[in-house]
Amino acid sequence: MSEKGARGIRRLCQATVNSMNGLRGAFRSEEAVRQEIGLLAVAVPAAFWFTGDAVERVLLVASVVLVLLVELLNTAVEYTVDRIGPEYHELSGLAKDIGSAAVLVSLVLAAAVWLIILL
C-alpha cells in the first residue's frame, strides 16, 4: 500500500513497487497469467520473425499484451468478489462471468489480429 500524501518521485517509486507486487502475486497465484506471459514470450520474437513492418509488429505484440492486461483486471475482479464473501450471490457470479467474457473477447481479438496480419 502506498504512503498517504506521497508525491513526485516517491509516489512514482511506491506505485512501481505496488505494481510489481501485483504482477508477482498474479503470476504466483493464477495459471492463466503464467500462460499468457508464456504466450507473450513466444509472441514477441514471432512478431519480429514473421513481419518486417513495424506497425504490424506493434499490432501483433499489443494484441497479446492486451490479453494479459484484461486477465490482470479479471483477476482483480475475482479477488475482490471473493474477498466480499464465500457465499454465492447472483451478482458476484455475473461479475466473474463478465470478467471471463472480457478475457475471451481479448483472446478472440488477438487471434484475429494475428490471422489477418499473417494471412
Protein backbone atom coordinates (compact mmCIF):
# COMPACT_ATOMS: atom_id res chain seq x y z
CA MET A 1 0.00 0.00 0.00
CA SER A 2 1.42 3.40 -0.88
CA GLU A 3 2.02 6.10 1.71
CA LYS A 4 -0.72 8.68 2.04
CA GLY A 5 0.38 12.02 0.67
CA ALA A 6 3.48 10.76 -1.14
CA ARG A 7 4.24 12.94 -4.13
CA GLY A 8 6.58 13.15 -7.07
CA ILE A 9 9.33 10.57 -7.43
CA ARG A 10 8.49 8.95 -4.08
CA ARG A 11 4.89 8.32 -5.20
CA LEU A 12 6.10 7.00 -8.54
CA CYS A 13 8.56 4.63 -6.86
CA GLN A 14 5.90 3.35 -4.45
CA ALA A 15 3.41 2.88 -7.30
CA THR A 16 6.04 0.88 -9.19
CA VAL A 17 6.65 -1.33 -6.14
CA ASN A 18 2.88 -1.88 -5.78
CA SER A 19 2.57 -2.75 -9.47
CA MET A 20 5.43 -5.23 -9.32
CA ASN A 21 3.87 -6.81 -6.21
CA GLY A 22 0.63 -7.17 -8.17
CA LEU A 23 2.36 -8.78 -11.15
CA ARG A 24 4.31 -11.12 -8.88
CA GLY A 25 1.19 -12.08 -6.94
CA ALA A 26 -0.84 -12.69 -10.09
CA PHE A 27 1.99 -14.75 -11.60
CA ARG A 28 2.26 -16.92 -8.49
CA SER A 29 -1.45 -17.47 -7.99
CA GLU A 30 -3.01 -17.55 -11.46
CA GLU A 31 -2.16 -20.18 -14.05
CA ALA A 32 -3.85 -18.09 -16.76
CA VAL A 33 -1.43 -15.22 -16.06
CA ARG A 34 1.54 -17.58 -16.33
CA GLN A 35 0.20 -18.97 -19.59
CA GLU A 36 -0.34 -15.51 -21.05
CA ILE A 37 3.14 -14.37 -20.04
CA GLY A 38 4.44 -17.51 -21.77
CA LEU A 39 2.37 -16.62 -24.82
CA LEU A 40 3.84 -13.13 -24.77
CA ALA A 41 7.36 -14.57 -24.54
CA VAL A 42 6.65 -16.51 -27.75
CA ALA A 43 4.67 -13.75 -29.48
CA VAL A 44 7.33 -11.03 -29.25
CA PRO A 45 10.05 -12.93 -31.15
CA ALA A 46 7.42 -14.38 -33.51
CA ALA A 47 6.20 -10.88 -34.37
CA PHE A 48 9.75 -9.94 -35.35
CA TRP A 49 10.27 -13.20 -37.21
CA PHE A 50 7.07 -13.13 -39.26
CA THR A 51 6.86 -9.45 -40.18
CA GLY A 52 9.23 -6.75 -41.30
CA ASP A 53 6.79 -3.91 -40.80
CA ALA A 54 6.96 -2.00 -37.50
CA VAL A 55 3.22 -1.30 -37.39
CA GLU A 56 2.39 -4.97 -37.88
CA ARG A 57 4.84 -5.92 -35.14
CA VAL A 58 3.29 -3.44 -32.75
CA LEU A 59 -0.21 -4.73 -33.53
CA LEU A 60 0.84 -8.36 -33.03
CA VAL A 61 2.58 -7.72 -29.72
CA ALA A 62 -0.02 -5.24 -28.44
CA SER A 63 -2.85 -7.69 -29.08
CA VAL A 64 -1.18 -10.24 -26.80
CA VAL A 65 -0.29 -7.61 -24.19
CA LEU A 66 -3.98 -6.66 -24.20
CA VAL A 67 -4.90 -10.25 -23.31
CA LEU A 68 -2.56 -10.13 -20.30
CA LEU A 69 -3.90 -6.74 -19.26
CA VAL A 70 -7.52 -7.95 -19.38
CA GLU A 71 -6.54 -11.11 -17.47
CA LEU A 72 -4.97 -8.99 -14.72
CA LEU A 73 -8.14 -6.91 -14.43
CA ASN A 74 -10.27 -10.08 -14.40
CA THR A 75 -8.10 -11.50 -11.62
CA ALA A 76 -8.56 -8.30 -9.62
CA VAL A 77 -12.35 -8.54 -10.03
CA GLU A 78 -12.32 -12.19 -8.95
CA TYR A 79 -10.21 -11.48 -5.87
CA THR A 80 -12.41 -8.55 -4.90
CA VAL A 81 -15.59 -10.61 -5.25
CA ASP A 82 -14.03 -13.48 -3.28
CA ARG A 83 -12.94 -11.03 -0.56
CA ILE A 84 -16.51 -9.85 -0.08
CA GLY A 85 -17.64 -13.31 0.98
CA PRO A 86 -17.71 -17.00 0.08
CA GLU A 87 -21.49 -17.29 -0.23
CA TYR A 88 -22.99 -17.41 -3.69
CA HIS A 89 -24.65 -14.27 -4.97
CA GLU A 90 -26.04 -13.87 -8.46
CA LEU A 91 -24.28 -10.52 -8.99
CA SER A 92 -20.94 -11.92 -7.80
CA GLY A 93 -21.25 -14.78 -10.26
CA LEU A 94 -22.23 -12.38 -13.02
CA ALA A 95 -19.26 -10.10 -12.25
CA LYS A 96 -16.88 -13.05 -12.53
CA ASP A 97 -18.55 -14.24 -15.74
CA ILE A 98 -18.30 -10.78 -17.29
CA GLY A 99 -14.59 -10.62 -16.42
CA SER A 100 -14.12 -14.02 -18.03
CA ALA A 101 -16.02 -12.84 -21.11
CA ALA A 102 -13.68 -9.84 -21.36
CA VAL A 103 -10.70 -12.21 -21.40
CA LEU A 104 -12.38 -14.28 -24.12
CA VAL A 105 -13.05 -11.18 -26.24
CA SER A 106 -9.40 -10.10 -25.90
CA LEU A 107 -8.24 -13.58 -26.94
CA VAL A 108 -10.52 -13.55 -29.99
CA LEU A 109 -9.23 -10.09 -30.90
CA ALA A 110 -5.61 -11.23 -30.58
CA ALA A 111 -6.27 -14.30 -32.71
CA ALA A 112 -8.00 -12.15 -35.35
CA VAL A 113 -5.11 -9.66 -35.45
CA TRP A 114 -2.57 -12.47 -35.86
CA LEU A 115 -4.61 -14.19 -38.56
CA ILE A 116 -5.26 -11.01 -40.51
CA ILE A 117 -1.63 -9.92 -40.45
CA LEU A 118 -0.08 -13.32 -41.09
CA LEU A 119 -2.51 -14.45 -43.76
